[in-house]
Amino acid sequence: MPDRKSFLLRADATVLEAMQRWANDDLRSLNAQVEFVLREALRKAGRMAPAGAPPPPEEGTPPAP
């Protein structure tokens, strides 16, 4: 399992309440729901590989043949 880091999140109360309702509907904790939403947004933006895919090469590394 990758290392996990904690950070403080300041969000509007309305946003947190909506996230909590969504988390409850999906039977997740609020923390797990926030992480789920962030991961999905990163995948859709092309900034994170899908689960199980090999990690992208580091910048400056020549492409594999």
N, C-alpha and C. Protein backbone atom coordinates (compact mmCIF):
# COMPACT_ATOMS: atom_id res chain seq x y z
N MET A 1 0.85 -1.17 0.00
CA MET A 1 0.00 0.00 0.00
C MET A 1 0.90 1.24 0.00
N PRO A 2 0.59 2.21 -0.84
CA PRO A 2 1.42 3.42 -0.89
C PRO A 2 1.33 4.21 0.41
N ASP A 3 2.37 5.00 0.64
CA ASP A 3 2.36 5.86 1.82
C ASP A 3 1.19 6.82 1.74
N ARG A 4 0.60 7.11 2.87
CA ARG A 4 -0.51 8.06 2.93
C ARG A 4 -0.04 9.29 3.68
N LYS A 5 -0.46 10.45 3.21
CA LYS A 5 -0.11 11.70 3.85
C LYS A 5 -1.37 12.43 4.26
N SER A 6 -1.32 13.08 5.39
CA SER A 6 -2.45 13.86 5.88
C SER A 6 -2.26 15.31 5.49
N PHE A 7 -3.38 16.00 5.27
CA PHE A 7 -3.34 17.44 5.03
C PHE A 7 -4.67 18.04 5.44
N LEU A 8 -4.63 19.30 5.74
CA LEU A 8 -5.82 20.02 6.16
C LEU A 8 -6.58 20.48 4.92
N LEU A 9 -7.88 20.26 4.91
CA LEU A 9 -8.72 20.69 3.80
C LEU A 9 -9.73 21.68 4.34
N ARG A 10 -9.72 22.86 3.80
CA ARG A 10 -10.74 23.85 4.16
C ARG A 10 -11.72 23.91 3.00
N ALA A 11 -12.98 23.67 3.30
CA ALA A 11 -13.99 23.66 2.26
C ALA A 11 -15.26 24.31 2.81
N ASP A 12 -16.04 24.84 1.92
CA ASP A 12 -17.32 25.44 2.26
C ASP A 12 -18.21 24.39 2.92
N ALA A 13 -18.96 24.78 3.92
CA ALA A 13 -19.83 23.86 4.65
C ALA A 13 -20.83 23.17 3.72
N THR A 14 -21.33 23.88 2.74
CA THR A 14 -22.29 23.30 1.79
C THR A 14 -21.64 22.16 1.00
N VAL A 15 -20.40 22.35 0.59
CA VAL A 15 -19.67 21.32 -0.16
C VAL A 15 -19.45 20.10 0.73
N LEU A 16 -19.02 20.32 1.95
CA LEU A 16 -18.79 19.19 2.87
C LEU A 16 -20.08 18.43 3.16
N GLU A 17 -21.17 19.14 3.35
CA GLU A 17 -22.45 18.47 3.60
C GLU A 17 -22.87 17.63 2.40
N ALA A 18 -22.70 18.16 1.20
CA ALA A 18 -23.04 17.40 -0.01
C ALA A 18 -22.14 16.17 -0.15
N MET A 19 -20.84 16.33 0.13
CA MET A 19 -19.91 15.19 0.06
C MET A 19 -20.28 14.14 1.10
N GLN A 20 -20.69 14.57 2.30
CA GLN A 20 -21.07 13.62 3.34
C GLN A 20 -22.31 12.84 2.92
N ARG A 21 -23.29 13.52 2.33
CA ARG A 21 -24.49 12.80 1.85
C ARG A 21 -24.12 11.79 0.78
N TRP A 22 -23.25 12.18 -0.15
CA TRP A 22 -22.80 11.29 -1.22
C TRP A 22 -22.06 10.10 -0.62
N ALA A 23 -21.17 10.36 0.34
CA ALA A 23 -20.43 9.28 1.01
C ALA A 23 -21.40 8.32 1.69
N ASN A 24 -22.39 8.85 2.37
CA ASN A 24 -23.39 7.99 3.02
C ASN A 24 -24.12 7.12 2.01
N ASP A 25 -24.49 7.70 0.87
CA ASP A 25 -25.18 6.94 -0.18
C ASP A 25 -24.31 5.80 -0.71
N ASP A 26 -22.99 6.03 -0.78
CA ASP A 26 -22.05 5.04 -1.31
C ASP A 26 -21.44 4.17 -0.22
N LEU A 27 -21.90 4.34 1.02
CA LEU A 27 -21.40 3.58 2.17
C LEU A 27 -19.89 3.75 2.34
N ARG A 28 -19.42 4.99 2.21
CA ARG A 28 -18.02 5.32 2.41
C ARG A 28 -17.90 6.36 3.50
N SER A 29 -16.69 6.47 4.05
CA SER A 29 -16.42 7.58 4.97
C SER A 29 -16.26 8.85 4.13
N LEU A 30 -16.36 9.98 4.78
CA LEU A 30 -16.16 11.24 4.07
C LEU A 30 -14.76 11.30 3.48
N ASN A 31 -13.76 10.87 4.23
CA ASN A 31 -12.39 10.86 3.75
C ASN A 31 -12.25 9.99 2.50
N ALA A 32 -12.81 8.78 2.53
CA ALA A 32 -12.73 7.88 1.38
C ALA A 32 -13.45 8.47 0.18
N GLN A 33 -14.57 9.15 0.41
CA GLN A 33 -15.32 9.76 -0.69
C GLN A 33 -14.52 10.89 -1.33
N VAL A 34 -13.88 11.72 -0.52
CA VAL A 34 -13.07 12.82 -1.06
C VAL A 34 -11.93 12.23 -1.90
N GLU A 35 -11.27 11.19 -1.39
CA GLU A 35 -10.18 10.57 -2.15
C GLU A 35 -10.70 9.95 -3.45
N PHE A 36 -11.86 9.30 -3.40
CA PHE A 36 -12.47 8.71 -4.59
C PHE A 36 -12.73 9.78 -5.65
N VAL A 37 -13.34 10.89 -5.24
CA VAL A 37 -13.66 11.97 -6.17
C VAL A 37 -12.38 12.58 -6.76
N LEU A 38 -11.37 12.77 -5.93
CA LEU A 38 -10.11 13.32 -6.43
C LEU A 38 -9.45 12.38 -7.43
N ARG A 39 -9.43 11.08 -7.13
CA ARG A 39 -8.83 10.10 -8.06
C ARG A 39 -9.57 10.09 -9.40
N GLU A 40 -10.89 10.09 -9.35
CA GLU A 40 -11.67 10.09 -10.59
C GLU A 40 -11.40 11.35 -11.41
N ALA A 41 -11.33 12.50 -10.75
CA ALA A 41 -11.04 13.75 -11.46
C ALA A 41 -9.65 13.70 -12.08
N LEU A 42 -8.68 13.15 -11.37
CA LEU A 42 -7.32 13.05 -11.91
C LEU A 42 -7.28 12.12 -13.12
N ARG A 43 -7.98 10.99 -13.04
CA ARG A 43 -8.01 10.06 -14.19
C ARG A 43 -8.66 10.72 -15.41
N LYS A 44 -9.80 11.38 -15.19
CA LYS A 44 -10.51 12.02 -16.31
C LYS A 44 -9.69 13.14 -16.94
N ALA A 45 -8.86 13.81 -16.14
CA ALA A 45 -8.01 14.89 -16.64
C ALA A 45 -6.72 14.36 -17.26
N GLY A 46 -6.53 13.03 -17.23
CA GLY A 46 -5.32 12.45 -17.80
C GLY A 46 -4.08 12.68 -16.94
N ARG A 47 -4.27 12.91 -15.66
CA ARG A 47 -3.14 13.18 -14.76
C ARG A 47 -2.82 12.01 -13.86
N MET A 48 -3.57 10.91 -14.03
CA MET A 48 -3.32 9.71 -13.22
C MET A 48 -3.73 8.50 -14.05
N ALA A 49 -2.87 7.50 -14.08
CA ALA A 49 -3.16 6.29 -14.83
C ALA A 49 -4.28 5.51 -14.16
N PRO A 50 -5.08 4.77 -14.93
CA PRO A 50 -6.11 3.93 -14.33
C PRO A 50 -5.49 2.89 -13.39
N ALA A 51 -6.26 2.40 -12.44
CA ALA A 51 -5.77 1.39 -11.50
C ALA A 51 -5.26 0.18 -12.27
N GLY A 52 -4.09 -0.30 -11.88
CA GLY A 52 -3.51 -1.48 -12.52
C GLY A 52 -2.64 -1.17 -13.71
N ALA A 53 -2.68 0.05 -14.22
CA ALA A 53 -1.85 0.43 -15.36
C ALA A 53 -0.43 0.73 -14.87
N PRO A 54 0.57 0.49 -15.74
CA PRO A 54 1.93 0.81 -15.33
C PRO A 54 2.08 2.32 -15.15
N PRO A 55 2.93 2.74 -14.23
CA PRO A 55 3.11 4.19 -14.02
C PRO A 55 3.73 4.83 -15.25
N PRO A 56 3.43 6.09 -15.51
CA PRO A 56 4.01 6.76 -16.67
C PRO A 56 5.51 6.93 -16.46
N PRO A 57 6.29 6.98 -17.56
CA PRO A 57 7.73 7.17 -17.42
C PRO A 57 8.04 8.55 -16.83
N GLU A 58 9.16 8.63 -16.13
CA GLU A 58 9.57 9.91 -15.57
C GLU A 58 9.98 10.84 -16.69
N GLU A 59 9.82 12.15 -16.45
CA GLU A 59 10.21 13.14 -17.45
C GLU A 59 11.68 13.00 -17.76
N GLY A 60 12.03 13.12 -19.04
CA GLY A 60 13.42 13.01 -19.46
C GLY A 60 13.84 11.59 -19.76
N THR A 61 12.97 10.60 -19.50
CA THR A 61 13.28 9.21 -19.79
C THR A 61 12.88 8.93 -21.23
N PRO A 62 13.79 8.34 -22.04
CA PRO A 62 13.41 8.05 -23.43
C PRO A 62 12.32 6.99 -23.46
N PRO A 63 11.43 7.05 -24.46
CA PRO A 63 10.34 6.07 -24.55
C PRO A 63 10.89 4.66 -24.78
N ALA A 64 10.17 3.67 -24.26
CA ALA A 64 10.56 2.27 -24.44
C ALA A 64 10.34 1.86 -25.90
N PRO A 65 11.19 1.00 -26.42
CA PRO A 65 11.04 0.56 -27.83
C PRO A 65 9.80 -0.27 -28.05
